[in-house]
Amino acid sequence: MAFSALTGKLEADVEIKASPEQFHEMFAHKPHHVHHTCYDKIQGCDLHEGEWGKVGTIVHWSYVHDGKAKKAKEVVEAVDPDKNLVTFRVIEGDLMEEYKSFVITIQVSPKSEGSGSLVHWTLEYEKMHDGIAHPETLLQFVQDVSKDIDAHLTQAS
């Protein structure tokens, strides 16, 4: 993205107890299971085209953000199991009403000390105009989703 007042990048880290591989698996290969971990936030993720875990796959998310039901259609741009990384580009839905482009990258790495992992979220975007807010509430939303997924992955079986 070319630099302008309309482009932006927000990043956040979330400490979790689950392994990098467990968390990566949820977004790379099982995004349709995410709603089981946080139904109050994510109502579903459906396969629109392609195959789970493959670049080029198109998924359709239903979620509640800022108290409103929203939808997003995203194409998987990258899946790297060695780096526990997955990248989604939003191609349709509510975000496209305010942003020309919106890319979400999730990378999970082991914590440098102790057990657990660090989930690194990156939101890269270009706003339609200066009147559009930076997506700080969406960054908080994905952090909250991370915590819900972690609680699900680490609950006693």
N, C-alpha and C. Protein backbone atom coordinates (compact mmCIF):
# COMPACT_ATOMS: atom_id res chain seq x y z
N MET A 1 0.83 -1.19 0.00
CA MET A 1 0.00 0.00 0.00
C MET A 1 0.87 1.25 0.00
N ALA A 2 0.52 2.18 -0.80
CA ALA A 2 1.23 3.46 -0.82
C ALA A 2 0.89 4.22 0.46
N PHE A 3 1.85 4.99 0.94
CA PHE A 3 1.61 5.74 2.18
C PHE A 3 0.68 6.91 1.91
N SER A 4 -0.32 7.02 2.73
CA SER A 4 -1.21 8.18 2.72
C SER A 4 -1.93 8.21 4.06
N ALA A 5 -2.65 9.29 4.29
CA ALA A 5 -3.41 9.40 5.54
C ALA A 5 -4.55 8.39 5.57
N LEU A 6 -4.85 7.80 4.43
CA LEU A 6 -5.96 6.84 4.36
C LEU A 6 -5.52 5.41 4.64
N THR A 7 -4.23 5.13 4.54
CA THR A 7 -3.77 3.77 4.79
C THR A 7 -3.33 3.64 6.24
N GLY A 8 -3.44 2.44 6.74
CA GLY A 8 -3.05 2.23 8.12
C GLY A 8 -2.71 0.78 8.40
N LYS A 9 -2.10 0.61 9.56
CA LYS A 9 -1.73 -0.73 10.02
C LYS A 9 -1.84 -0.72 11.54
N LEU A 10 -2.64 -1.63 12.06
CA LEU A 10 -2.77 -1.80 13.51
C LEU A 10 -2.27 -3.19 13.87
N GLU A 11 -1.57 -3.29 15.00
CA GLU A 11 -1.04 -4.57 15.44
C GLU A 11 -1.30 -4.76 16.92
N ALA A 12 -1.46 -6.02 17.31
CA ALA A 12 -1.65 -6.35 18.72
C ALA A 12 -1.17 -7.76 18.97
N ASP A 13 -0.69 -7.99 20.18
CA ASP A 13 -0.27 -9.31 20.62
C ASP A 13 -1.18 -9.77 21.75
N VAL A 14 -1.49 -11.06 21.72
CA VAL A 14 -2.31 -11.65 22.77
C VAL A 14 -1.58 -12.89 23.28
N GLU A 15 -1.33 -12.93 24.59
CA GLU A 15 -0.72 -14.12 25.19
C GLU A 15 -1.79 -15.17 25.39
N ILE A 16 -1.47 -16.40 24.98
CA ILE A 16 -2.41 -17.52 25.16
C ILE A 16 -1.67 -18.70 25.77
N LYS A 17 -2.43 -19.66 26.26
CA LYS A 17 -1.86 -20.87 26.85
C LYS A 17 -1.70 -21.99 25.82
N ALA A 18 -2.52 -21.97 24.78
CA ALA A 18 -2.47 -23.01 23.75
C ALA A 18 -1.16 -22.93 22.97
N SER A 19 -0.85 -24.02 22.29
CA SER A 19 0.36 -24.05 21.46
C SER A 19 0.14 -23.24 20.18
N PRO A 20 1.22 -22.79 19.55
CA PRO A 20 1.07 -22.07 18.28
C PRO A 20 0.33 -22.92 17.24
N GLU A 21 0.63 -24.21 17.21
CA GLU A 21 0.02 -25.10 16.23
C GLU A 21 -1.48 -25.24 16.45
N GLN A 22 -1.91 -25.36 17.71
CA GLN A 22 -3.34 -25.48 18.01
C GLN A 22 -4.10 -24.24 17.54
N PHE A 23 -3.58 -23.08 17.86
CA PHE A 23 -4.28 -21.84 17.50
C PHE A 23 -4.28 -21.64 15.99
N HIS A 24 -3.15 -21.87 15.36
CA HIS A 24 -3.04 -21.73 13.90
C HIS A 24 -4.04 -22.65 13.20
N GLU A 25 -4.17 -23.85 13.70
CA GLU A 25 -5.09 -24.84 13.11
C GLU A 25 -6.52 -24.31 13.06
N MET A 26 -6.92 -23.57 14.10
CA MET A 26 -8.29 -23.04 14.14
C MET A 26 -8.57 -22.09 12.98
N PHE A 27 -7.64 -21.22 12.64
CA PHE A 27 -7.88 -20.27 11.56
C PHE A 27 -7.47 -20.80 10.20
N ALA A 28 -6.45 -21.65 10.15
CA ALA A 28 -5.99 -22.15 8.86
C ALA A 28 -6.88 -23.27 8.33
N HIS A 29 -7.25 -24.21 9.20
CA HIS A 29 -7.96 -25.40 8.74
C HIS A 29 -9.35 -25.59 9.32
N LYS A 30 -9.66 -24.91 10.41
CA LYS A 30 -10.96 -25.12 11.07
C LYS A 30 -11.67 -23.81 11.42
N PRO A 31 -11.65 -22.81 10.53
CA PRO A 31 -12.34 -21.57 10.90
C PRO A 31 -13.84 -21.77 11.12
N HIS A 32 -14.38 -22.84 10.52
CA HIS A 32 -15.80 -23.15 10.73
C HIS A 32 -16.08 -23.64 12.15
N HIS A 33 -15.03 -23.86 12.95
CA HIS A 33 -15.20 -24.25 14.35
C HIS A 33 -15.08 -23.05 15.30
N VAL A 34 -14.61 -21.92 14.79
CA VAL A 34 -14.37 -20.75 15.65
C VAL A 34 -15.65 -20.31 16.36
N HIS A 35 -16.79 -20.38 15.67
CA HIS A 35 -18.03 -19.91 16.31
C HIS A 35 -18.40 -20.75 17.53
N HIS A 36 -17.91 -21.98 17.62
CA HIS A 36 -18.18 -22.80 18.81
C HIS A 36 -17.47 -22.24 20.04
N THR A 37 -16.41 -21.47 19.82
CA THR A 37 -15.61 -20.95 20.94
C THR A 37 -16.08 -19.58 21.41
N CYS A 38 -16.80 -18.86 20.55
CA CYS A 38 -17.19 -17.48 20.90
C CYS A 38 -18.45 -17.10 20.13
N TYR A 39 -19.53 -17.83 20.36
CA TYR A 39 -20.76 -17.61 19.58
C TYR A 39 -21.32 -16.20 19.75
N ASP A 40 -21.03 -15.56 20.87
CA ASP A 40 -21.51 -14.19 21.05
C ASP A 40 -20.83 -13.21 20.09
N LYS A 41 -19.69 -13.61 19.53
CA LYS A 41 -18.94 -12.74 18.62
C LYS A 41 -18.99 -13.25 17.17
N ILE A 42 -18.79 -14.55 16.99
CA ILE A 42 -18.75 -15.16 15.65
C ILE A 42 -19.92 -16.14 15.54
N GLN A 43 -20.80 -15.90 14.58
CA GLN A 43 -21.95 -16.79 14.40
C GLN A 43 -21.66 -17.92 13.42
N GLY A 44 -20.67 -17.74 12.57
CA GLY A 44 -20.35 -18.82 11.65
C GLY A 44 -19.27 -18.44 10.66
N CYS A 45 -18.70 -19.47 10.07
CA CYS A 45 -17.73 -19.32 8.99
C CYS A 45 -18.02 -20.45 8.01
N ASP A 46 -18.42 -20.10 6.81
CA ASP A 46 -18.79 -21.09 5.81
C ASP A 46 -17.79 -21.08 4.66
N LEU A 47 -17.55 -22.26 4.14
CA LEU A 47 -16.70 -22.41 2.96
C LEU A 47 -17.50 -21.99 1.74
N HIS A 48 -17.04 -20.96 1.05
CA HIS A 48 -17.74 -20.46 -0.14
C HIS A 48 -17.16 -21.09 -1.40
N GLU A 49 -15.84 -21.24 -1.40
CA GLU A 49 -15.16 -21.79 -2.57
C GLU A 49 -13.79 -22.29 -2.15
N GLY A 50 -13.37 -23.44 -2.67
CA GLY A 50 -12.04 -23.95 -2.37
C GLY A 50 -12.06 -25.01 -1.30
N GLU A 51 -10.96 -25.07 -0.56
CA GLU A 51 -10.74 -26.12 0.43
C GLU A 51 -10.11 -25.50 1.68
N TRP A 52 -10.60 -25.91 2.86
CA TRP A 52 -10.06 -25.38 4.12
C TRP A 52 -8.54 -25.51 4.11
N GLY A 53 -7.87 -24.46 4.54
CA GLY A 53 -6.41 -24.49 4.69
C GLY A 53 -5.62 -24.23 3.43
N LYS A 54 -6.28 -23.89 2.33
CA LYS A 54 -5.59 -23.69 1.06
C LYS A 54 -5.65 -22.22 0.62
N VAL A 55 -4.55 -21.74 0.06
CA VAL A 55 -4.51 -20.39 -0.51
C VAL A 55 -5.53 -20.32 -1.65
N GLY A 56 -6.25 -19.21 -1.71
CA GLY A 56 -7.26 -19.02 -2.74
C GLY A 56 -8.66 -19.39 -2.29
N THR A 57 -8.77 -20.07 -1.16
CA THR A 57 -10.07 -20.45 -0.61
C THR A 57 -10.83 -19.19 -0.21
N ILE A 58 -12.13 -19.21 -0.43
CA ILE A 58 -12.98 -18.07 -0.05
C ILE A 58 -13.93 -18.53 1.06
N VAL A 59 -13.93 -17.77 2.17
CA VAL A 59 -14.78 -18.08 3.31
C VAL A 59 -15.70 -16.90 3.59
N HIS A 60 -16.83 -17.21 4.21
CA HIS A 60 -17.84 -16.19 4.52
C HIS A 60 -18.06 -16.21 6.03
N TRP A 61 -17.76 -15.10 6.69
CA TRP A 61 -17.91 -14.96 8.14
C TRP A 61 -19.19 -14.21 8.47
N SER A 62 -19.87 -14.64 9.53
CA SER A 62 -20.98 -13.90 10.14
C SER A 62 -20.54 -13.60 11.56
N TYR A 63 -20.61 -12.33 11.96
CA TYR A 63 -20.10 -11.95 13.27
C TYR A 63 -20.85 -10.73 13.80
N VAL A 64 -20.67 -10.47 15.10
CA VAL A 64 -21.27 -9.29 15.72
C VAL A 64 -20.13 -8.41 16.20
N HIS A 65 -20.10 -7.18 15.66
CA HIS A 65 -19.04 -6.23 16.02
C HIS A 65 -19.69 -4.89 16.31
N ASP A 66 -19.30 -4.29 17.40
CA ASP A 66 -19.89 -3.02 17.84
C ASP A 66 -21.41 -3.13 17.96
N GLY A 67 -21.89 -4.30 18.40
CA GLY A 67 -23.32 -4.50 18.64
C GLY A 67 -24.15 -4.74 17.39
N LYS A 68 -23.52 -4.88 16.23
CA LYS A 68 -24.26 -5.06 14.99
C LYS A 68 -23.85 -6.35 14.30
N ALA A 69 -24.84 -7.04 13.72
CA ALA A 69 -24.56 -8.24 12.92
C ALA A 69 -23.88 -7.81 11.63
N LYS A 70 -22.78 -8.47 11.32
CA LYS A 70 -22.01 -8.11 10.12
C LYS A 70 -21.59 -9.37 9.38
N LYS A 71 -21.15 -9.15 8.14
CA LYS A 71 -20.70 -10.25 7.29
C LYS A 71 -19.41 -9.84 6.60
N ALA A 72 -18.60 -10.84 6.28
CA ALA A 72 -17.38 -10.59 5.52
C ALA A 72 -17.08 -11.81 4.66
N LYS A 73 -16.75 -11.56 3.42
CA LYS A 73 -16.26 -12.62 2.54
C LYS A 73 -14.77 -12.36 2.38
N GLU A 74 -13.97 -13.40 2.65
CA GLU A 74 -12.52 -13.25 2.63
C GLU A 74 -11.87 -14.33 1.79
N VAL A 75 -10.78 -13.97 1.14
CA VAL A 75 -9.98 -14.94 0.41
C VAL A 75 -8.72 -15.20 1.24
N VAL A 76 -8.34 -16.47 1.33
CA VAL A 76 -7.12 -16.84 2.04
C VAL A 76 -5.94 -16.51 1.12
N GLU A 77 -5.08 -15.60 1.56
CA GLU A 77 -3.93 -15.18 0.75
C GLU A 77 -2.66 -15.92 1.10
N ALA A 78 -2.54 -16.39 2.34
CA ALA A 78 -1.33 -17.10 2.76
C ALA A 78 -1.66 -18.07 3.87
N VAL A 79 -1.04 -19.24 3.81
CA VAL A 79 -1.09 -20.22 4.89
C VAL A 79 0.32 -20.77 5.00
N ASP A 80 0.97 -20.53 6.14
CA ASP A 80 2.33 -21.01 6.34
C ASP A 80 2.40 -21.76 7.66
N PRO A 81 2.29 -23.11 7.61
CA PRO A 81 2.30 -23.88 8.86
C PRO A 81 3.64 -23.78 9.60
N ASP A 82 4.74 -23.56 8.89
CA ASP A 82 6.04 -23.44 9.57
C ASP A 82 6.11 -22.18 10.43
N LYS A 83 5.44 -21.12 9.99
CA LYS A 83 5.42 -19.86 10.75
C LYS A 83 4.11 -19.69 11.51
N ASN A 84 3.20 -20.69 11.43
CA ASN A 84 1.88 -20.59 12.05
C ASN A 84 1.21 -19.27 11.67
N LEU A 85 1.17 -19.02 10.36
CA LEU A 85 0.67 -17.76 9.82
C LEU A 85 -0.46 -18.02 8.84
N VAL A 86 -1.48 -17.17 8.91
CA VAL A 86 -2.55 -17.19 7.91
C VAL A 86 -2.95 -15.73 7.64
N THR A 87 -3.21 -15.45 6.36
CA THR A 87 -3.60 -14.10 5.95
C THR A 87 -4.90 -14.17 5.17
N PHE A 88 -5.83 -13.31 5.54
CA PHE A 88 -7.13 -13.19 4.86
C PHE A 88 -7.24 -11.79 4.26
N ARG A 89 -7.76 -11.70 3.04
CA ARG A 89 -8.09 -10.40 2.43
C ARG A 89 -9.61 -10.32 2.32
N VAL A 90 -10.18 -9.28 2.90
CA VAL A 90 -11.63 -9.08 2.82
C VAL A 90 -11.96 -8.62 1.40
N ILE A 91 -12.92 -9.30 0.76
CA ILE A 91 -13.29 -8.95 -0.62
C ILE A 91 -14.73 -8.47 -0.74
N GLU A 92 -15.56 -8.77 0.25
CA GLU A 92 -16.95 -8.30 0.26
C GLU A 92 -17.41 -8.18 1.70
N GLY A 93 -18.49 -7.44 1.91
CA GLY A 93 -19.09 -7.36 3.23
C GLY A 93 -19.04 -5.96 3.82
N ASP A 94 -19.40 -5.90 5.09
CA ASP A 94 -19.55 -4.63 5.79
C ASP A 94 -18.28 -3.78 5.80
N LEU A 95 -17.12 -4.40 5.97
CA LEU A 95 -15.88 -3.63 6.00
C LEU A 95 -15.62 -2.91 4.68
N MET A 96 -16.09 -3.48 3.59
CA MET A 96 -15.84 -2.89 2.27
C MET A 96 -16.69 -1.63 2.03
N GLU A 97 -17.62 -1.35 2.96
CA GLU A 97 -18.38 -0.10 2.86
C GLU A 97 -17.54 1.09 3.32
N GLU A 98 -16.50 0.82 4.12
CA GLU A 98 -15.67 1.90 4.66
C GLU A 98 -14.21 1.82 4.24
N TYR A 99 -13.79 0.65 3.76
CA TYR A 99 -12.38 0.45 3.42
C TYR A 99 -12.25 -0.04 1.98
N LYS A 100 -11.25 0.51 1.26
CA LYS A 100 -10.96 0.05 -0.10
C LYS A 100 -10.28 -1.31 -0.06
N SER A 101 -9.47 -1.52 0.97
CA SER A 101 -8.81 -2.82 1.15
C SER A 101 -8.67 -3.09 2.64
N PHE A 102 -8.70 -4.38 2.98
CA PHE A 102 -8.58 -4.77 4.38
C PHE A 102 -7.97 -6.16 4.43
N VAL A 103 -6.79 -6.27 5.05
CA VAL A 103 -6.06 -7.54 5.13
C VAL A 103 -5.80 -7.85 6.60
N ILE A 104 -6.10 -9.10 6.99
CA ILE A 104 -5.92 -9.55 8.37
C ILE A 104 -4.89 -10.67 8.36
N THR A 105 -3.81 -10.50 9.14
CA THR A 105 -2.79 -11.53 9.26
C THR A 105 -2.71 -11.97 10.71
N ILE A 106 -2.67 -13.28 10.89
CA ILE A 106 -2.57 -13.88 12.22
C ILE A 106 -1.31 -14.74 12.22
N GLN A 107 -0.38 -14.45 13.13
CA GLN A 107 0.81 -15.27 13.26
C GLN A 107 0.98 -15.63 14.72
N VAL A 108 1.24 -16.91 14.98
CA VAL A 108 1.35 -17.40 16.34
C VAL A 108 2.75 -17.97 16.54
N SER A 109 3.40 -17.55 17.63
CA SER A 109 4.74 -18.04 17.92
C SER A 109 4.83 -18.45 19.39
N PRO A 110 5.78 -19.34 19.70
CA PRO A 110 5.96 -19.72 21.10
C PRO A 110 6.43 -18.51 21.90
N LYS A 111 5.99 -18.44 23.15
CA LYS A 111 6.49 -17.36 24.02
C LYS A 111 7.98 -17.60 24.26
N SER A 112 8.72 -16.51 24.42
CA SER A 112 10.17 -16.65 24.60
C SER A 112 10.52 -17.28 25.95
N GLU A 113 9.66 -17.08 26.93
CA GLU A 113 9.89 -17.68 28.25
C GLU A 113 8.63 -18.38 28.71
N GLY A 114 8.80 -19.58 29.24
CA GLY A 114 7.66 -20.32 29.76
C GLY A 114 6.84 -20.96 28.66
N SER A 115 5.70 -21.49 29.06
CA SER A 115 4.84 -22.17 28.09
C SER A 115 3.85 -21.18 27.50
N GLY A 116 3.14 -21.65 26.50
CA GLY A 116 2.14 -20.79 25.87
C GLY A 116 2.67 -20.15 24.60
N SER A 117 1.85 -19.27 24.06
CA SER A 117 2.14 -18.67 22.76
C SER A 117 1.77 -17.20 22.75
N LEU A 118 2.20 -16.55 21.69
CA LEU A 118 1.87 -15.16 21.44
C LEU A 118 1.19 -15.08 20.08
N VAL A 119 -0.06 -14.59 20.07
CA VAL A 119 -0.80 -14.40 18.83
C VAL A 119 -0.57 -12.96 18.39
N HIS A 120 -0.03 -12.79 17.20
CA HIS A 120 0.22 -11.44 16.66
C HIS A 120 -0.79 -11.17 15.55
N TRP A 121 -1.63 -10.18 15.77
CA TRP A 121 -2.64 -9.77 14.79
C TRP A 121 -2.15 -8.52 14.07
N THR A 122 -2.32 -8.50 12.76
CA THR A 122 -2.01 -7.31 11.96
C THR A 122 -3.21 -7.00 11.08
N LEU A 123 -3.70 -5.79 11.19
CA LEU A 123 -4.78 -5.31 10.33
C LEU A 123 -4.18 -4.23 9.43
N GLU A 124 -4.18 -4.46 8.12
CA GLU A 124 -3.69 -3.47 7.17
C GLU A 124 -4.87 -3.05 6.31
N TYR A 125 -5.02 -1.74 6.12
CA TYR A 125 -6.24 -1.26 5.48
C TYR A 125 -6.02 0.06 4.75
N GLU A 126 -6.95 0.35 3.87
CA GLU A 126 -7.02 1.66 3.24
C GLU A 126 -8.46 2.14 3.36
N LYS A 127 -8.63 3.27 4.05
CA LYS A 127 -9.96 3.83 4.28
C LYS A 127 -10.48 4.49 3.00
N MET A 128 -11.81 4.54 2.86
CA MET A 128 -12.44 5.21 1.72
C MET A 128 -12.20 6.72 1.75
N HIS A 129 -12.22 7.31 2.98
CA HIS A 129 -12.00 8.75 3.12
C HIS A 129 -11.58 9.05 4.56
N ASP A 130 -11.16 10.27 4.81
CA ASP A 130 -10.66 10.67 6.13
C ASP A 130 -11.69 10.57 7.25
N GLY A 131 -12.97 10.58 6.91
CA GLY A 131 -14.02 10.51 7.91
C GLY A 131 -14.21 9.13 8.52
N ILE A 132 -13.56 8.13 7.95
CA ILE A 132 -13.65 6.75 8.46
C ILE A 132 -12.65 6.58 9.60
N ALA A 133 -13.11 5.98 10.68
CA ALA A 133 -12.24 5.74 11.83
C ALA A 133 -11.27 4.59 11.54
N HIS A 134 -10.13 4.64 12.21
CA HIS A 134 -9.22 3.50 12.17
C HIS A 134 -9.92 2.36 12.92
N PRO A 135 -9.69 1.11 12.53
CA PRO A 135 -10.47 -0.01 13.08
C PRO A 135 -9.98 -0.50 14.45
N GLU A 136 -9.81 0.42 15.40
CA GLU A 136 -9.36 0.02 16.73
C GLU A 136 -10.32 -0.94 17.42
N THR A 137 -11.64 -0.73 17.23
CA THR A 137 -12.60 -1.62 17.89
C THR A 137 -12.53 -3.02 17.28
N LEU A 138 -12.20 -3.12 16.00
CA LEU A 138 -12.04 -4.43 15.38
C LEU A 138 -10.78 -5.12 15.90
N LEU A 139 -9.73 -4.35 16.16
CA LEU A 139 -8.51 -4.91 16.73
C LEU A 139 -8.81 -5.48 18.12
N GLN A 140 -9.59 -4.76 18.92
CA GLN A 140 -9.99 -5.27 20.24
C GLN A 140 -10.85 -6.52 20.08
N PHE A 141 -11.73 -6.53 19.10
CA PHE A 141 -12.60 -7.67 18.82
C PHE A 141 -11.77 -8.93 18.56
N VAL A 142 -10.75 -8.84 17.69
CA VAL A 142 -9.96 -10.04 17.37
C VAL A 142 -9.13 -10.48 18.58
N GLN A 143 -8.73 -9.54 19.42
CA GLN A 143 -8.02 -9.92 20.64
C GLN A 143 -8.96 -10.70 21.57
N ASP A 144 -10.20 -10.24 21.69
CA ASP A 144 -11.18 -10.94 22.52
C ASP A 144 -11.48 -12.32 21.96
N VAL A 145 -11.60 -12.43 20.64
CA VAL A 145 -11.82 -13.73 20.00
C VAL A 145 -10.65 -14.67 20.31
N SER A 146 -9.43 -14.15 20.29
CA SER A 146 -8.25 -14.96 20.60
C SER A 146 -8.35 -15.57 21.99
N LYS A 147 -8.77 -14.76 22.94
CA LYS A 147 -8.89 -15.23 24.32
C LYS A 147 -9.96 -16.30 24.44
N ASP A 148 -11.08 -16.13 23.74
CA ASP A 148 -12.14 -17.13 23.76
C ASP A 148 -11.68 -18.45 23.14
N ILE A 149 -10.98 -18.37 22.02
CA ILE A 149 -10.47 -19.58 21.37
C ILE A 149 -9.48 -20.27 22.29
N ASP A 150 -8.60 -19.51 22.92
CA ASP A 150 -7.62 -20.09 23.84
C ASP A 150 -8.31 -20.81 24.99
N ALA A 151 -9.33 -20.19 25.57
CA ALA A 151 -10.07 -20.82 26.67
C ALA A 151 -10.66 -22.15 26.20
N HIS A 152 -11.18 -22.18 24.99
CA HIS A 152 -11.75 -23.41 24.43
C HIS A 152 -10.67 -24.47 24.21
N LEU A 153 -9.54 -24.07 23.65
CA LEU A 153 -8.47 -25.02 23.34
C LEU A 153 -7.80 -25.59 24.58
N THR A 154 -7.80 -24.83 25.66
CA THR A 154 -7.06 -25.26 26.85
C THR A 154 -7.96 -25.78 27.98
N GLN A 155 -9.27 -25.84 27.74
CA GLN A 155 -10.15 -26.35 28.79
C GLN A 155 -9.86 -27.83 29.01
N ALA A 156 -10.06 -28.29 30.23
CA ALA A 156 -9.81 -29.70 30.54
C ALA A 156 -10.74 -30.59 29.73
N SER A 157 -10.17 -31.62 29.13
CA SER A 157 -11.03 -32.50 28.32
C SER A 157 -11.59 -33.63 29.14
